[in-house]
């Protein structure tokens, strides 16, 4: 199983926008994303997301690790 890369909050948002998430608003340093299905993500605008936080965001987005890695590549 491939390790998750170290990415920024902006890079995470760029990846999940490919599956329908869209920026709604900003609360402090967090970007709030909404999905047409009703899912909501709060992504910190950090230069580096910790691996645990990244795993949680991937899970909250309804993705598997491999699906997310594919979004980063494509």
C-alpha atoms as a PDB file:
ATOM      1  CA  UNK A   1       0.000   0.000   0.000  1.00  0.00           C
ATOM      2  CA  UNK A   2       1.448   3.359  -1.027  1.00  0.00           C
ATOM      3  CA  UNK A   3       2.128   5.952   1.634  1.00  0.00           C
ATOM      4  CA  UNK A   4       0.148   9.118   1.449  1.00  0.00           C
ATOM      5  CA  UNK A   5       2.132  12.063   0.124  1.00  0.00           C
ATOM      6  CA  UNK A   6       2.609  15.273   2.064  1.00  0.00           C
ATOM      7  CA  UNK A   7       0.282  17.787   0.410  1.00  0.00           C
ATOM      8  CA  UNK A   8      -1.191  21.182   1.205  1.00  0.00           C
ATOM      9  CA  UNK A   9      -4.816  21.976   1.893  1.00  0.00           C
ATOM     10  CA  UNK A  10      -5.048  23.673  -1.504  1.00  0.00           C
ATOM     11  CA  UNK A  11      -3.747  20.532  -3.238  1.00  0.00           C
ATOM     12  CA  UNK A  12      -6.351  18.441  -1.402  1.00  0.00           C
ATOM     13  CA  UNK A  13      -9.113  20.799  -2.552  1.00  0.00           C
ATOM     14  CA  UNK A  14      -7.848  20.661  -6.150  1.00  0.00           C
ATOM     15  CA  UNK A  15      -8.058  16.851  -6.056  1.00  0.00           C
ATOM     16  CA  UNK A  16     -11.569  16.548  -4.563  1.00  0.00           C
ATOM     17  CA  UNK A  17     -12.984  19.192  -6.903  1.00  0.00           C
ATOM     18  CA  UNK A  18     -12.593  16.527  -9.601  1.00  0.00           C
ATOM     19  CA  UNK A  19     -15.342  14.465  -7.922  1.00  0.00           C
ATOM     20  CA  UNK A  20     -17.819  17.296  -7.443  1.00  0.00           C
ATOM     21  CA  UNK A  21     -16.774  19.117  -4.272  1.00  0.00           C
ATOM     22  CA  UNK A  22     -16.961  22.883  -4.619  1.00  0.00           C
ATOM     23  CA  UNK A  23     -15.721  25.716  -2.426  1.00  0.00           C
ATOM     24  CA  UNK A  24     -18.580  27.265  -0.445  1.00  0.00           C
ATOM     25  CA  UNK A  25     -16.910  29.726   1.927  1.00  0.00           C
ATOM     26  CA  UNK A  26     -13.977  30.242   4.272  1.00  0.00           C
ATOM     27  CA  UNK A  27     -14.154  30.208   8.065  1.00  0.00           C
ATOM     28  CA  UNK A  28     -10.904  31.551   9.461  1.00  0.00           C
ATOM     29  CA  UNK A  29      -8.170  29.410   7.913  1.00  0.00           C
ATOM     30  CA  UNK A  30     -10.530  26.600   6.851  1.00  0.00           C
ATOM     31  CA  UNK A  31     -12.040  26.151   3.410  1.00  0.00           C
ATOM     32  CA  UNK A  32     -15.562  24.744   3.514  1.00  0.00           C
ATOM     33  CA  UNK A  33     -16.393  22.471   0.587  1.00  0.00           C
ATOM     34  CA  UNK A  34     -19.813  21.134  -0.344  1.00  0.00           C
ATOM     35  CA  UNK A  35     -20.738  18.135  -2.480  1.00  0.00           C
ATOM     36  CA  UNK A  36     -24.056  17.819  -4.342  1.00  0.00           C
ATOM     37  CA  UNK A  37     -24.812  14.722  -2.212  1.00  0.00           C
ATOM     38  CA  UNK A  38     -24.817  16.913   0.907  1.00  0.00           C
ATOM     39  CA  UNK A  39     -21.368  16.037   2.227  1.00  0.00           C
ATOM     40  CA  UNK A  40     -19.425  18.907   3.782  1.00  0.00           C
ATOM     41  CA  UNK A  41     -15.661  19.096   4.283  1.00  0.00           C
ATOM     42  CA  UNK A  42     -13.668  21.566   6.340  1.00  0.00           C
ATOM     43  CA  UNK A  43     -10.115  21.682   4.981  1.00  0.00           C
ATOM     44  CA  UNK A  44      -7.441  23.721   6.775  1.00  0.00           C
ATOM     45  CA  UNK A  45      -5.430  25.959   4.496  1.00  0.00           C
ATOM     46  CA  UNK A  46      -2.063  24.683   5.709  1.00  0.00           C
ATOM     47  CA  UNK A  47       1.117  24.226   3.698  1.00  0.00           C
ATOM     48  CA  UNK A  48       1.270  20.607   4.885  1.00  0.00           C
ATOM     49  CA  UNK A  49      -1.589  18.416   6.082  1.00  0.00           C
ATOM     50  CA  UNK A  50      -0.625  15.818   8.666  1.00  0.00           C
ATOM     51  CA  UNK A  51      -1.026  12.213   7.567  1.00  0.00           C
ATOM     52  CA  UNK A  52      -3.722  11.515  10.164  1.00  0.00           C
ATOM     53  CA  UNK A  53      -5.697  14.581   9.133  1.00  0.00           C
ATOM     54  CA  UNK A  54      -5.305  13.663   5.473  1.00  0.00           C
ATOM     55  CA  UNK A  55      -6.595  10.126   6.147  1.00  0.00           C
ATOM     56  CA  UNK A  56      -9.597  11.581   7.982  1.00  0.00           C
ATOM     57  CA  UNK A  57     -10.360  14.026   5.153  1.00  0.00           C
ATOM     58  CA  UNK A  58     -10.147  11.242   2.575  1.00  0.00           C
ATOM     59  CA  UNK A  59     -12.538   9.105   4.631  1.00  0.00           C
ATOM     60  CA  UNK A  60     -14.918  12.061   5.168  1.00  0.00           C
ATOM     61  CA  UNK A  61     -14.918  12.713   1.411  1.00  0.00           C
ATOM     62  CA  UNK A  62     -16.152   9.146   0.870  1.00  0.00           C
ATOM     63  CA  UNK A  63     -12.973   7.991  -0.861  1.00  0.00           C
ATOM     64  CA  UNK A  64     -10.531   5.157  -0.397  1.00  0.00           C
ATOM     65  CA  UNK A  65      -6.803   5.837  -0.196  1.00  0.00           C
ATOM     66  CA  UNK A  66      -6.292   4.424  -3.713  1.00  0.00           C
ATOM     67  CA  UNK A  67      -9.131   6.504  -5.177  1.00  0.00           C
ATOM     68  CA  UNK A  68      -7.618   9.638  -3.666  1.00  0.00           C
ATOM     69  CA  UNK A  69      -4.132   8.832  -4.954  1.00  0.00           C
ATOM     70  CA  UNK A  70      -5.623   8.387  -8.431  1.00  0.00           C
ATOM     71  CA  UNK A  71      -7.228  11.841  -8.185  1.00  0.00           C
ATOM     72  CA  UNK A  72      -3.841  13.331  -7.310  1.00  0.00           C
ATOM     73  CA  UNK A  73      -2.223  11.696 -10.331  1.00  0.00           C
ATOM     74  CA  UNK A  74      -4.930  12.621 -12.828  1.00  0.00           C
END
